[in-house]
Amino acid sequence: MSQARNKVGVIIAGLLLAILMASMDNTIVATAMGTIVGEIGGLDKFVWATSAYMVAEMTGMPIFGKLSDMYGRKRFFVFGIVVFMIGSALCGMAESIIQLSLFRAIQGIGAGAMVSIAFTIMFDVVPPESRGKMTGMFGALFGLSSVAAPLLGGYITDYLHWIWIFYINLPLGLIAFILIVFFYKESAEHSKQKIDYLGCLLLVGAIICLMFAIELGGKAYAWGSSQILGLFVGFVFFSILLVFVEKRAAEPIISFRMFRIRLYTTTNLVAMLSGATFMTASMFIPIYIQGVYGGTATNAGLILLPMMVSSVVTATVGGFLMSKLPYRAILIPTLAILAIGMALLTTLTTESSRFLITIYMILVGLGIGASFSVLSSAAIHSFPAAQRGAATSTMNFNRSLGMTLGITIFGIIQSHSLTDRLTEAFGKSGGTKILADVDFNDPHVLLNPAIRQTMDGNTLNTITEGLSSSIVGTFAWSLIPAVLALSAAFIMSREKLDPNVEADGYAASH
């Protein structure tokens, strides 16, 4: 028994390493992008380096999840590790932004495989009585990585070199590869079925159109330009075709039949909506600290630590309670805390204390933490082992989509609000000049100490007030997905993790 337990522990370590690499690699690069562009050029194309990774990862999630159900988890998870390592090595050797973007796409393919399969492998190898604890650990790591990555990225870029943001994945990936290859013995049977190639192509087309529209809109092209409108039209067109094709496919990549189950549908809704709310707080609180209080970028990032720690608490507690309470009974109070935390953030002013902000961030962390652990278990609750890969990967896809849409939509709201307030305060010409001098789309350039010193007191106070009110107004808008996520939790069915039922399936596969 101890030997088997030790093997499970080793496998879990490999899975956690893989999740850490994949979930961190998107935001960790954003911090270093200014330095990267300064060295290899491509300021007009740097957005592609982010878009390529996100498109490849999000497209790969449901595809690899389904393939793992059909042909086995191990081969595709190991494939993901290898491809991610190859992409990381190539990124560190990139000599142009075009090369970096292509290599980031390779990374994204590997990340899509790892993220979509890791949770499913965990449920395959962990005994039912330990799954709550393990799910809490996985969920906490997922949440931690999303806010810790910018801090790590900034540190590596400042004190080492940006290439180590990518090269650090090589030893971590090698360890994960060894642990999974030598210790994960897959025992479940998998039925080989026909691959839905048309569904794959349509999914890729829809995601490419949506992600590039989101990434390029308001940056490379105006939101009302023919390019961006064309991308949105392409997304709608491919999405309609995808639904039509998948409903008739024998083995669809995304099975819309799964959404007939109430628990699964509401789980995906909660994941998408809470993800959008969480990323809004994670993105704008550091900017608030740096812009309103004049803190450094590092200090601004550190303000997220209380939220990180509190999210670990509820992620762990949520995992522990899953076998004792229905999923909805855990999510309703925690999502209510999330909504309360976001509501309190709308009361911030330039006079608010750092202590008060810290309290509000702790509430946000407590509110989001349980979703990281509970939703993964709720997503697979209604499905046999042969469908868990597709169920988990689709839920992770929707969570990532919600985070991406949240960053984009609320970023647009805040940017327009700030522009309007500065234009009103300084007049059209004055506001234009201020905006030309400061890039408000870059939080690491926004009101940095050097720029602040060039401004007179009245100008600085006006910009500070405008920044504060624009961010607080954005928090008010983010209450909408927070309340909708809470509403979705209320209409969840009342299932809970049943160790006895799970134990039967676990014993049968082992």
Protein backbone atom coordinates (compact mmCIF):
# COMPACT_ATOMS: atom_id res chain seq x y z
CA MET A 1 0.00 0.00 0.00
CA SER A 2 2.78 2.46 0.90
CA GLN A 3 4.54 1.77 -2.39
CA ALA A 4 1.36 2.50 -4.34
CA ARG A 5 0.82 5.63 -2.30
CA ASN A 6 4.37 6.78 -3.01
CA LYS A 7 3.83 6.26 -6.73
CA VAL A 8 0.65 8.32 -6.61
CA GLY A 9 2.54 11.08 -4.81
CA VAL A 10 5.23 11.07 -7.49
CA ILE A 11 2.63 11.21 -10.27
CA ILE A 12 0.85 14.11 -8.55
CA ALA A 13 4.17 15.96 -8.33
CA GLY A 14 4.63 15.55 -12.08
CA LEU A 15 1.12 16.76 -12.79
CA LEU A 16 1.53 19.80 -10.53
CA LEU A 17 4.76 20.76 -12.27
CA ALA A 18 3.07 20.54 -15.66
CA ILE A 19 0.11 22.67 -14.55
CA LEU A 20 2.47 25.21 -13.02
CA MET A 21 4.42 25.60 -16.26
CA ALA A 22 1.41 25.80 -18.55
CA SER A 23 -0.73 28.13 -16.43
CA MET A 24 2.11 30.52 -15.65
CA ASP A 25 3.59 30.84 -19.09
CA ASN A 26 0.99 33.18 -20.51
CA THR A 27 1.13 35.93 -17.90
CA ILE A 28 4.81 35.49 -17.01
CA VAL A 29 5.78 36.58 -20.53
CA ALA A 30 3.57 39.68 -20.44
CA THR A 31 5.76 41.23 -17.74
CA ALA A 32 8.90 40.80 -19.84
CA MET A 33 7.42 41.78 -23.20
CA GLY A 34 8.70 45.36 -23.04
CA THR A 35 12.26 44.12 -22.49
CA ILE A 36 11.91 41.44 -25.17
CA VAL A 37 10.67 43.92 -27.76
CA GLY A 38 13.46 46.33 -26.84
CA GLU A 39 16.01 43.62 -27.63
CA ILE A 40 14.61 41.80 -30.67
CA GLY A 41 12.28 44.49 -32.04
CA GLY A 42 8.75 44.11 -33.34
CA LEU A 43 6.83 46.63 -31.26
CA ASP A 44 4.07 46.67 -33.86
CA LYS A 45 3.71 42.88 -33.73
CA PHE A 46 4.33 41.97 -30.08
CA VAL A 47 0.64 41.19 -29.52
CA TRP A 48 1.06 38.13 -31.73
CA ALA A 49 3.40 36.53 -29.20
CA THR A 50 0.59 36.53 -26.64
CA SER A 51 -2.19 35.69 -29.08
CA ALA A 52 -0.35 32.73 -30.60
CA TYR A 53 0.03 31.03 -27.21
CA MET A 54 -3.56 31.67 -26.16
CA VAL A 55 -5.05 30.52 -29.45
CA ALA A 56 -3.01 27.32 -29.51
CA GLU A 57 -3.68 26.50 -25.85
CA MET A 58 -7.41 27.17 -25.89
CA THR A 59 -7.92 25.34 -29.18
CA GLY A 60 -5.93 22.37 -27.95
CA MET A 61 -7.80 21.94 -24.65
CA PRO A 62 -11.02 20.32 -25.92
CA ILE A 63 -9.21 18.49 -28.73
CA PHE A 64 -6.62 16.82 -26.51
CA GLY A 65 -9.21 16.20 -23.82
CA LYS A 66 -11.31 14.24 -26.28
CA LEU A 67 -8.32 12.40 -27.76
CA SER A 68 -7.21 11.35 -24.27
CA ASP A 69 -10.64 9.78 -23.72
CA MET A 70 -10.34 7.88 -27.00
CA TYR A 71 -6.72 6.74 -26.95
CA GLY A 72 -5.41 7.16 -23.41
CA ARG A 73 -4.21 9.97 -21.17
CA LYS A 74 -0.52 9.20 -20.86
CA ARG A 75 0.57 9.46 -24.47
CA PHE A 76 -1.03 12.85 -25.01
CA PHE A 77 0.09 14.26 -21.68
CA VAL A 78 3.70 13.24 -22.36
CA PHE A 79 3.31 14.64 -25.88
CA GLY A 80 2.23 17.93 -24.33
CA ILE A 81 5.28 18.07 -22.03
CA VAL A 82 7.68 17.36 -24.89
CA VAL A 83 6.10 19.90 -27.25
CA PHE A 84 6.01 22.52 -24.49
CA MET A 85 9.72 21.99 -23.77
CA ILE A 86 10.60 22.21 -27.45
CA GLY A 87 8.61 25.41 -27.78
CA SER A 88 10.26 26.87 -24.66
CA ALA A 89 13.76 26.11 -25.95
CA LEU A 90 12.96 27.69 -29.30
CA CYS A 91 11.45 30.79 -27.65
CA GLY A 92 14.69 31.40 -25.79
CA MET A 93 16.56 31.36 -29.13
CA ALA A 94 14.10 33.61 -31.01
CA GLU A 95 15.76 36.43 -32.93
CA SER A 96 12.62 38.23 -34.08
CA ILE A 97 9.09 38.78 -32.85
CA ILE A 98 7.77 36.64 -35.73
CA GLN A 99 9.93 33.72 -34.64
CA LEU A 100 8.90 34.21 -31.03
CA SER A 101 5.23 34.18 -32.00
CA LEU A 102 5.61 30.93 -33.97
CA PHE A 103 7.51 29.28 -31.13
CA ARG A 104 4.93 30.52 -28.61
CA ALA A 105 2.27 28.75 -30.67
CA ILE A 106 4.25 25.52 -30.27
CA GLN A 107 4.34 26.13 -26.52
CA GLY A 108 0.59 26.70 -26.54
CA ILE A 109 -0.08 23.37 -28.22
CA GLY A 110 1.83 21.60 -25.46
CA ALA A 111 0.08 23.63 -22.76
CA GLY A 112 -3.33 22.75 -24.20
CA ALA A 113 -2.53 19.05 -23.88
CA MET A 114 -1.14 19.31 -20.34
CA VAL A 115 -3.90 21.47 -18.85
CA SER A 116 -6.72 19.49 -20.42
CA ILE A 117 -5.46 16.10 -19.21
CA ALA A 118 -3.75 16.78 -15.85
CA PHE A 119 -6.95 16.96 -13.77
CA THR A 120 -8.30 13.83 -15.46
CA ILE A 121 -5.15 11.83 -14.67
CA MET A 122 -5.41 13.00 -11.07
CA PHE A 123 -8.93 11.60 -10.81
CA ASP A 124 -7.76 8.35 -12.42
CA VAL A 125 -4.93 7.68 -9.96
CA VAL A 126 -6.06 9.22 -6.66
CA PRO A 127 -8.32 7.12 -4.38
CA PRO A 128 -11.78 8.66 -3.90
CA GLU A 129 -11.22 9.51 -0.23
CA SER A 130 -8.22 11.69 -1.17
CA ARG A 131 -9.66 13.44 -4.21
CA GLY A 132 -11.07 16.40 -2.32
CA LYS A 133 -7.68 17.24 -0.85
CA MET A 134 -5.90 16.73 -4.17
CA THR A 135 -8.45 18.80 -6.08
CA GLY A 136 -7.96 21.60 -3.58
CA MET A 137 -4.21 21.44 -4.12
CA PHE A 138 -4.56 21.50 -7.91
CA GLY A 139 -7.04 24.33 -7.78
CA ALA A 140 -4.92 26.39 -5.40
CA LEU A 141 -1.89 26.01 -7.66
CA PHE A 142 -3.93 27.05 -10.69
CA GLY A 143 -5.09 30.19 -8.91
CA LEU A 144 -1.69 30.99 -7.45
CA SER A 145 0.08 30.72 -10.77
CA SER A 146 -2.26 33.18 -12.47
CA VAL A 147 -1.29 36.00 -10.11
CA ALA A 148 2.26 34.96 -9.12
CA ALA A 149 3.54 34.70 -12.70
CA PRO A 150 3.86 38.47 -13.30
CA LEU A 151 5.97 38.83 -10.14
CA LEU A 152 8.27 35.98 -11.16
CA GLY A 153 8.47 37.25 -14.73
CA GLY A 154 9.47 40.71 -13.57
CA TYR A 155 12.12 39.34 -11.20
CA ILE A 156 13.70 37.06 -13.82
CA THR A 157 13.73 39.84 -16.40
CA ASP A 158 15.27 42.39 -14.00
CA TYR A 159 17.90 40.19 -12.38
CA LEU A 160 18.68 37.46 -14.92
CA HIS A 161 17.58 37.69 -18.57
CA TRP A 162 14.25 37.30 -20.32
CA ILE A 163 15.36 34.08 -22.03
CA TRP A 164 15.24 32.35 -18.61
CA ILE A 165 11.49 32.88 -18.54
CA PHE A 166 11.45 30.17 -21.21
CA TYR A 167 14.54 28.14 -20.29
CA ILE A 168 13.32 27.59 -16.72
CA ASN A 169 10.68 25.31 -18.25
CA LEU A 170 13.32 22.84 -19.47
CA PRO A 171 14.44 21.37 -16.12
CA LEU A 172 10.89 21.55 -14.75
CA GLY A 173 9.52 19.85 -17.88
CA LEU A 174 12.20 17.16 -17.76
CA ILE A 175 11.32 16.32 -14.16
CA ALA A 176 7.60 16.16 -15.00
CA PHE A 177 8.38 13.98 -18.04
CA ILE A 178 10.38 11.48 -15.98
CA LEU A 179 7.81 11.28 -13.20
CA ILE A 180 4.90 10.63 -15.55
CA VAL A 181 6.68 8.28 -17.98
CA PHE A 182 8.12 6.01 -15.31
CA PHE A 183 5.47 6.11 -12.58
CA TYR A 184 2.11 6.58 -14.29
CA LYS A 185 0.79 3.18 -15.31
CA GLU A 186 -2.41 3.73 -17.21
CA SER A 187 -4.88 0.90 -16.61
CA ALA A 188 -8.20 2.14 -17.94
CA GLU A 189 -9.41 0.78 -21.26
CA HIS A 190 -10.06 3.19 -24.09
CA SER A 191 -12.18 2.61 -27.15
CA LYS A 192 -10.68 3.75 -30.43
CA GLN A 193 -13.19 5.84 -32.32
CA LYS A 194 -13.28 8.03 -35.38
CA ILE A 195 -11.67 11.45 -34.93
CA ASP A 196 -13.92 14.39 -35.70
CA TYR A 197 -11.55 16.22 -38.08
CA LEU A 198 -14.18 18.66 -39.33
CA GLY A 199 -15.10 19.63 -35.78
CA CYS A 200 -11.41 20.22 -35.02
CA LEU A 201 -11.02 22.54 -38.03
CA LEU A 202 -14.14 24.52 -37.19
CA LEU A 203 -13.11 24.86 -33.54
CA VAL A 204 -9.65 26.10 -34.58
CA GLY A 205 -11.21 28.59 -36.99
CA ALA A 206 -13.65 29.94 -34.39
CA ILE A 207 -10.99 30.36 -31.70
CA ILE A 208 -8.48 31.97 -34.07
CA CYS A 209 -11.07 34.54 -35.18
CA LEU A 210 -12.22 35.31 -31.62
CA MET A 211 -8.78 35.54 -30.03
CA PHE A 212 -7.23 37.67 -32.76
CA ALA A 213 -10.27 39.98 -32.73
CA ILE A 214 -9.87 40.39 -28.96
CA GLU A 215 -6.11 40.85 -29.07
CA LEU A 216 -5.95 43.17 -32.08
CA GLY A 217 -9.12 45.19 -31.46
CA GLY A 218 -8.38 48.66 -30.15
CA LYS A 219 -4.63 48.09 -30.61
CA ALA A 220 -3.57 47.25 -34.15
CA TYR A 221 -7.02 48.05 -35.58
CA ALA A 222 -10.02 50.07 -34.44
CA TRP A 223 -12.91 48.04 -33.01
CA GLY A 224 -15.14 49.22 -35.84
CA SER A 225 -12.62 48.42 -38.57
CA SER A 226 -13.40 45.92 -41.31
CA GLN A 227 -10.60 43.66 -40.05
CA ILE A 228 -11.99 43.32 -36.52
CA LEU A 229 -15.61 43.12 -37.62
CA GLY A 230 -14.61 40.48 -40.16
CA LEU A 231 -12.93 38.43 -37.44
CA PHE A 232 -16.04 38.58 -35.25
CA VAL A 233 -18.22 37.59 -38.21
CA GLY A 234 -15.83 34.69 -38.85
CA PHE A 235 -16.13 33.62 -35.21
CA VAL A 236 -19.92 33.60 -35.37
CA PHE A 237 -19.90 31.76 -38.72
CA PHE A 238 -17.48 29.04 -37.57
CA SER A 239 -19.29 28.69 -34.22
CA ILE A 240 -22.68 28.12 -35.88
CA LEU A 241 -21.16 25.55 -38.21
CA LEU A 242 -19.41 23.90 -35.25
CA VAL A 243 -22.67 23.48 -33.34
CA PHE A 244 -24.36 22.09 -36.46
CA VAL A 245 -21.55 19.61 -37.18
CA GLU A 246 -20.96 18.52 -33.57
CA LYS A 247 -24.63 17.70 -33.03
CA ARG A 248 -24.40 15.20 -35.87
CA ALA A 249 -20.91 13.82 -35.26
CA ALA A 250 -20.59 10.29 -33.89
CA GLU A 251 -17.75 11.31 -31.56
CA PRO A 252 -17.72 15.12 -31.38
CA ILE A 253 -14.70 17.03 -30.09
CA ILE A 254 -17.09 19.16 -28.02
CA SER A 255 -20.10 17.11 -27.06
CA PHE A 256 -23.04 19.47 -26.68
CA ARG A 257 -24.96 16.53 -25.26
CA MET A 258 -22.96 17.02 -22.07
CA PHE A 259 -24.64 20.38 -21.61
CA ARG A 260 -28.02 18.67 -21.26
CA ILE A 261 -26.87 17.82 -17.72
CA ARG A 262 -27.79 20.64 -15.38
CA LEU A 263 -24.79 20.26 -13.08
CA TYR A 264 -22.34 20.36 -15.98
CA THR A 265 -23.92 23.38 -17.66
CA THR A 266 -24.03 25.44 -14.47
CA THR A 267 -20.46 24.39 -13.61
CA ASN A 268 -19.23 25.79 -16.92
CA LEU A 269 -21.20 29.00 -16.40
CA VAL A 270 -19.72 29.51 -12.95
CA ALA A 271 -16.20 28.82 -14.29
CA MET A 272 -16.52 31.35 -17.12
CA LEU A 273 -18.19 34.13 -15.12
CA SER A 274 -16.11 33.83 -11.95
CA GLY A 275 -12.94 33.68 -14.08
CA ALA A 276 -13.84 37.00 -15.71
CA THR A 277 -14.42 38.63 -12.30
CA PHE A 278 -11.24 37.23 -10.76
CA MET A 279 -8.99 38.42 -13.58
CA THR A 280 -10.47 41.93 -13.37
CA ALA A 281 -9.39 42.23 -9.74
CA SER A 282 -6.01 40.62 -10.47
CA MET A 283 -5.31 43.02 -13.33
CA PHE A 284 -6.50 46.35 -11.95
CA ILE A 285 -5.57 46.28 -8.26
CA PRO A 286 -1.80 46.39 -9.00
CA ILE A 287 -2.40 49.25 -11.46
CA TYR A 288 -4.42 51.05 -8.79
CA ILE A 289 -1.62 50.72 -6.24
CA GLN A 290 1.05 51.83 -8.69
CA GLY A 291 -0.93 54.66 -10.27
CA VAL A 292 -2.88 56.05 -7.32
CA TYR A 293 -0.43 55.47 -4.49
CA GLY A 294 2.75 55.81 -6.52
CA GLY A 295 4.12 52.42 -5.58
CA THR A 296 6.66 50.52 -7.64
CA ALA A 297 5.64 47.76 -10.01
CA THR A 298 7.00 45.18 -7.57
CA ASN A 299 5.07 46.64 -4.64
CA ALA A 300 1.95 46.78 -6.79
CA GLY A 301 2.32 43.10 -7.61
CA LEU A 302 2.87 42.17 -3.98
CA ILE A 303 -0.57 43.54 -3.09
CA LEU A 304 -1.93 40.38 -4.72
CA LEU A 305 -0.28 38.15 -2.12
CA PRO A 306 -3.15 38.36 0.41
CA MET A 307 -5.56 37.36 -2.35
CA MET A 308 -3.30 34.47 -3.34
CA VAL A 309 -3.04 33.16 0.22
CA SER A 310 -6.76 33.46 0.94
CA SER A 311 -7.63 31.69 -2.34
CA VAL A 312 -5.45 28.76 -1.26
CA VAL A 313 -7.41 28.56 1.99
CA THR A 314 -10.84 28.22 0.38
CA ALA A 315 -9.51 26.04 -2.45
CA THR A 316 -8.22 23.58 0.16
CA VAL A 317 -11.32 23.81 2.36
CA GLY A 318 -13.58 23.45 -0.68
CA GLY A 319 -11.77 20.29 -1.73
CA PHE A 320 -12.12 18.86 1.77
CA LEU A 321 -15.87 19.63 1.97
CA MET A 322 -16.84 18.13 -1.41
CA SER A 323 -17.62 14.72 0.05
CA LYS A 324 -19.63 16.26 2.89
CA LEU A 325 -21.66 18.99 1.17
CA PRO A 326 -23.20 19.45 -2.29
CA TYR A 327 -21.02 21.39 -4.71
CA ARG A 328 -23.54 24.23 -4.75
CA ALA A 329 -23.51 24.49 -0.94
CA ILE A 330 -19.77 25.22 -1.12
CA LEU A 331 -19.92 27.57 -4.09
CA ILE A 332 -22.90 29.72 -3.04
CA PRO A 333 -21.34 31.22 0.11
CA THR A 334 -17.89 31.62 -1.42
CA LEU A 335 -19.20 33.27 -4.60
CA ALA A 336 -21.29 35.55 -2.38
CA ILE A 337 -18.05 36.57 -0.65
CA LEU A 338 -16.53 37.21 -4.11
CA ALA A 339 -19.42 39.50 -5.02
CA ILE A 340 -19.14 41.30 -1.67
CA GLY A 341 -15.40 41.76 -2.16
CA MET A 342 -15.90 43.22 -5.64
CA ALA A 343 -18.68 45.47 -4.33
CA LEU A 344 -16.39 46.80 -1.62
CA LEU A 345 -13.72 47.53 -4.24
CA THR A 346 -16.18 49.94 -5.86
CA THR A 347 -16.01 52.10 -2.70
CA LEU A 348 -12.27 52.83 -3.07
CA THR A 349 -11.11 56.43 -3.28
CA THR A 350 -7.70 58.07 -3.45
CA GLU A 351 -7.95 58.41 0.35
CA SER A 352 -8.53 54.69 0.99
CA SER A 353 -5.82 53.00 3.04
CA ARG A 354 -3.64 50.15 1.85
CA PHE A 355 -4.96 48.12 4.80
CA LEU A 356 -8.52 48.51 3.54
CA ILE A 357 -7.54 47.38 0.05
CA THR A 358 -5.78 44.36 1.55
CA ILE A 359 -8.97 43.37 3.41
CA TYR A 360 -10.98 43.64 0.20
CA MET A 361 -8.43 41.55 -1.69
CA ILE A 362 -8.58 38.86 0.99
CA LEU A 363 -12.35 38.69 0.50
CA VAL A 364 -11.92 38.34 -3.27
CA GLY A 365 -9.41 35.53 -2.73
CA LEU A 366 -11.69 33.74 -0.29
CA GLY A 367 -14.51 34.08 -2.80
CA ILE A 368 -12.70 32.67 -5.81
CA GLY A 369 -10.60 29.93 -4.18
CA ALA A 370 -13.27 27.23 -3.86
CA SER A 371 -14.11 27.48 -7.57
CA PHE A 372 -10.60 26.36 -8.47
CA SER A 373 -11.06 23.05 -6.68
CA VAL A 374 -14.80 22.36 -6.60
CA LEU A 375 -15.59 23.06 -10.26
CA SER A 376 -13.10 20.48 -11.54
CA SER A 377 -14.82 17.76 -9.54
CA ALA A 378 -18.33 18.98 -10.38
CA ALA A 379 -17.47 19.00 -14.10
CA ILE A 380 -16.76 15.26 -14.23
CA HIS A 381 -19.32 14.17 -11.64
CA SER A 382 -21.94 12.99 -14.12
CA PHE A 383 -19.61 11.22 -16.55
CA PRO A 384 -17.83 7.85 -16.69
CA ALA A 385 -14.05 7.73 -16.91
CA ALA A 386 -14.15 7.48 -20.70
CA GLN A 387 -15.69 10.98 -20.95
CA ARG A 388 -13.88 12.79 -18.17
CA GLY A 389 -11.12 14.15 -20.37
CA ALA A 390 -13.61 15.92 -22.62
CA ALA A 391 -15.66 17.18 -19.67
CA THR A 392 -12.67 18.60 -17.79
CA SER A 393 -11.00 20.14 -20.83
CA THR A 394 -14.19 21.85 -21.97
CA MET A 395 -14.68 23.36 -18.51
CA ASN A 396 -11.05 24.58 -18.42
CA PHE A 397 -11.53 26.00 -21.91
CA ASN A 398 -14.58 27.97 -20.78
CA ARG A 399 -12.77 29.23 -17.67
CA SER A 400 -9.85 30.45 -19.80
CA LEU A 401 -12.26 32.01 -22.26
CA GLY A 402 -14.00 33.84 -19.43
CA MET A 403 -10.69 35.15 -18.09
CA THR A 404 -9.63 36.33 -21.54
CA LEU A 405 -12.94 38.02 -22.26
CA GLY A 406 -12.90 39.60 -18.81
CA ILE A 407 -9.45 41.09 -19.31
CA THR A 408 -10.41 42.44 -22.73
CA ILE A 409 -13.92 43.75 -22.06
CA PHE A 410 -13.13 45.37 -18.72
CA GLY A 411 -9.84 46.65 -20.06
CA ILE A 412 -11.75 48.46 -22.82
CA ILE A 413 -14.21 49.89 -20.27
CA GLN A 414 -11.42 51.20 -18.04
CA SER A 415 -9.38 52.62 -20.92
CA HIS A 416 -12.34 54.51 -22.40
CA SER A 417 -13.40 55.77 -18.99
CA LEU A 418 -9.91 57.09 -18.24
CA THR A 419 -9.61 58.75 -21.65
CA ASP A 420 -12.98 60.45 -21.22
CA ARG A 421 -12.11 61.73 -17.75
CA LEU A 422 -8.73 63.11 -18.80
CA THR A 423 -10.18 64.72 -21.89
CA GLU A 424 -12.86 66.33 -19.75
CA ALA A 425 -10.29 67.53 -17.22
CA PHE A 426 -7.60 68.81 -19.59
CA GLY A 427 -9.63 69.61 -22.68
CA LYS A 428 -9.29 67.80 -25.97
CA SER A 429 -5.79 69.02 -26.77
CA GLY A 430 -4.49 68.69 -23.22
CA GLY A 431 -5.97 65.23 -22.78
CA THR A 432 -4.50 64.13 -26.09
CA LYS A 433 -1.06 65.32 -25.04
CA ILE A 434 -1.24 63.54 -21.71
CA LEU A 435 -2.33 60.34 -23.40
CA ALA A 436 0.46 60.65 -25.95
CA ASP A 437 3.05 60.95 -23.21
CA VAL A 438 1.76 58.03 -21.15
CA ASP A 439 0.72 54.67 -22.59
CA PHE A 440 -2.29 53.79 -20.43
CA ASN A 441 -2.53 50.36 -22.06
CA ASP A 442 0.75 49.34 -20.43
CA PRO A 443 0.45 49.04 -16.64
CA HIS A 444 4.22 48.84 -16.24
CA VAL A 445 4.72 52.19 -18.01
CA LEU A 446 1.62 53.77 -16.52
CA LEU A 447 2.60 56.53 -14.08
CA ASN A 448 6.07 55.15 -13.41
CA PRO A 449 8.19 57.28 -11.03
CA ALA A 450 10.13 58.95 -13.85
CA ILE A 451 6.95 60.10 -15.59
CA ARG A 452 5.33 61.20 -12.32
CA GLN A 453 8.29 63.46 -11.55
CA THR A 454 7.81 65.38 -14.80
CA MET A 455 4.23 66.37 -13.87
CA ASP A 456 3.16 69.30 -11.73
CA GLY A 457 1.05 68.61 -8.66
CA ASN A 458 -2.30 69.57 -10.17
CA THR A 459 -1.75 67.47 -13.28
CA LEU A 460 -0.68 64.47 -11.22
CA ASN A 461 -3.67 64.79 -8.88
CA THR A 462 -6.07 65.05 -11.81
CA ILE A 463 -4.64 61.95 -13.48
CA THR A 464 -4.64 60.08 -10.17
CA GLU A 465 -8.30 60.94 -9.60
CA GLY A 466 -9.17 59.93 -13.15
CA LEU A 467 -7.32 56.64 -12.85
CA SER A 468 -8.94 55.87 -9.51
CA SER A 469 -12.48 56.58 -10.67
CA SER A 470 -12.00 54.68 -13.97
CA ILE A 471 -10.79 51.55 -12.16
CA VAL A 472 -13.48 51.77 -9.48
CA GLY A 473 -16.08 52.13 -12.22
CA THR A 474 -14.65 49.02 -13.90
CA PHE A 475 -15.00 47.09 -10.64
CA ALA A 476 -18.67 48.09 -10.63
CA TRP A 477 -19.11 46.62 -14.10
CA SER A 478 -17.33 43.42 -13.01
CA LEU A 479 -20.05 42.91 -10.43
CA ILE A 480 -22.26 41.74 -13.30
CA PRO A 481 -20.38 38.45 -13.96
CA ALA A 482 -19.85 38.03 -10.20
CA VAL A 483 -23.59 38.15 -9.52
CA LEU A 484 -24.33 35.97 -12.56
CA ALA A 485 -21.82 33.37 -11.31
CA LEU A 486 -23.57 33.36 -7.93
CA SER A 487 -26.94 32.98 -9.68
CA ALA A 488 -25.61 30.02 -11.69
CA ALA A 489 -24.48 28.39 -8.43
CA PHE A 490 -28.01 28.75 -7.03
CA ILE A 491 -29.48 26.78 -9.94
CA MET A 492 -26.92 23.96 -9.73
CA SER A 493 -28.33 20.58 -8.87
CA ARG A 494 -27.54 19.13 -5.43
CA GLU A 495 -24.97 16.43 -6.21
CA LYS A 496 -21.88 15.99 -4.09
CA LEU A 497 -18.77 13.85 -4.34
CA ASP A 498 -19.72 10.31 -3.28
CA PRO A 499 -16.57 8.39 -2.28
CA ASN A 500 -18.46 5.07 -2.25
CA VAL A 501 -19.61 5.38 -5.86
CA GLU A 502 -16.23 6.68 -6.95
CA ALA A 503 -14.51 3.86 -5.08
CA ASP A 504 -16.34 1.27 -7.16
CA GLY A 505 -15.13 2.84 -10.37
CA TYR A 506 -11.64 3.28 -8.97
CA ALA A 507 -11.44 -0.36 -7.92
CA ALA A 508 -12.72 -1.54 -11.29
CA SER A 509 -10.01 0.38 -13.13
CA HIS A 510 -7.22 -0.65 -10.79
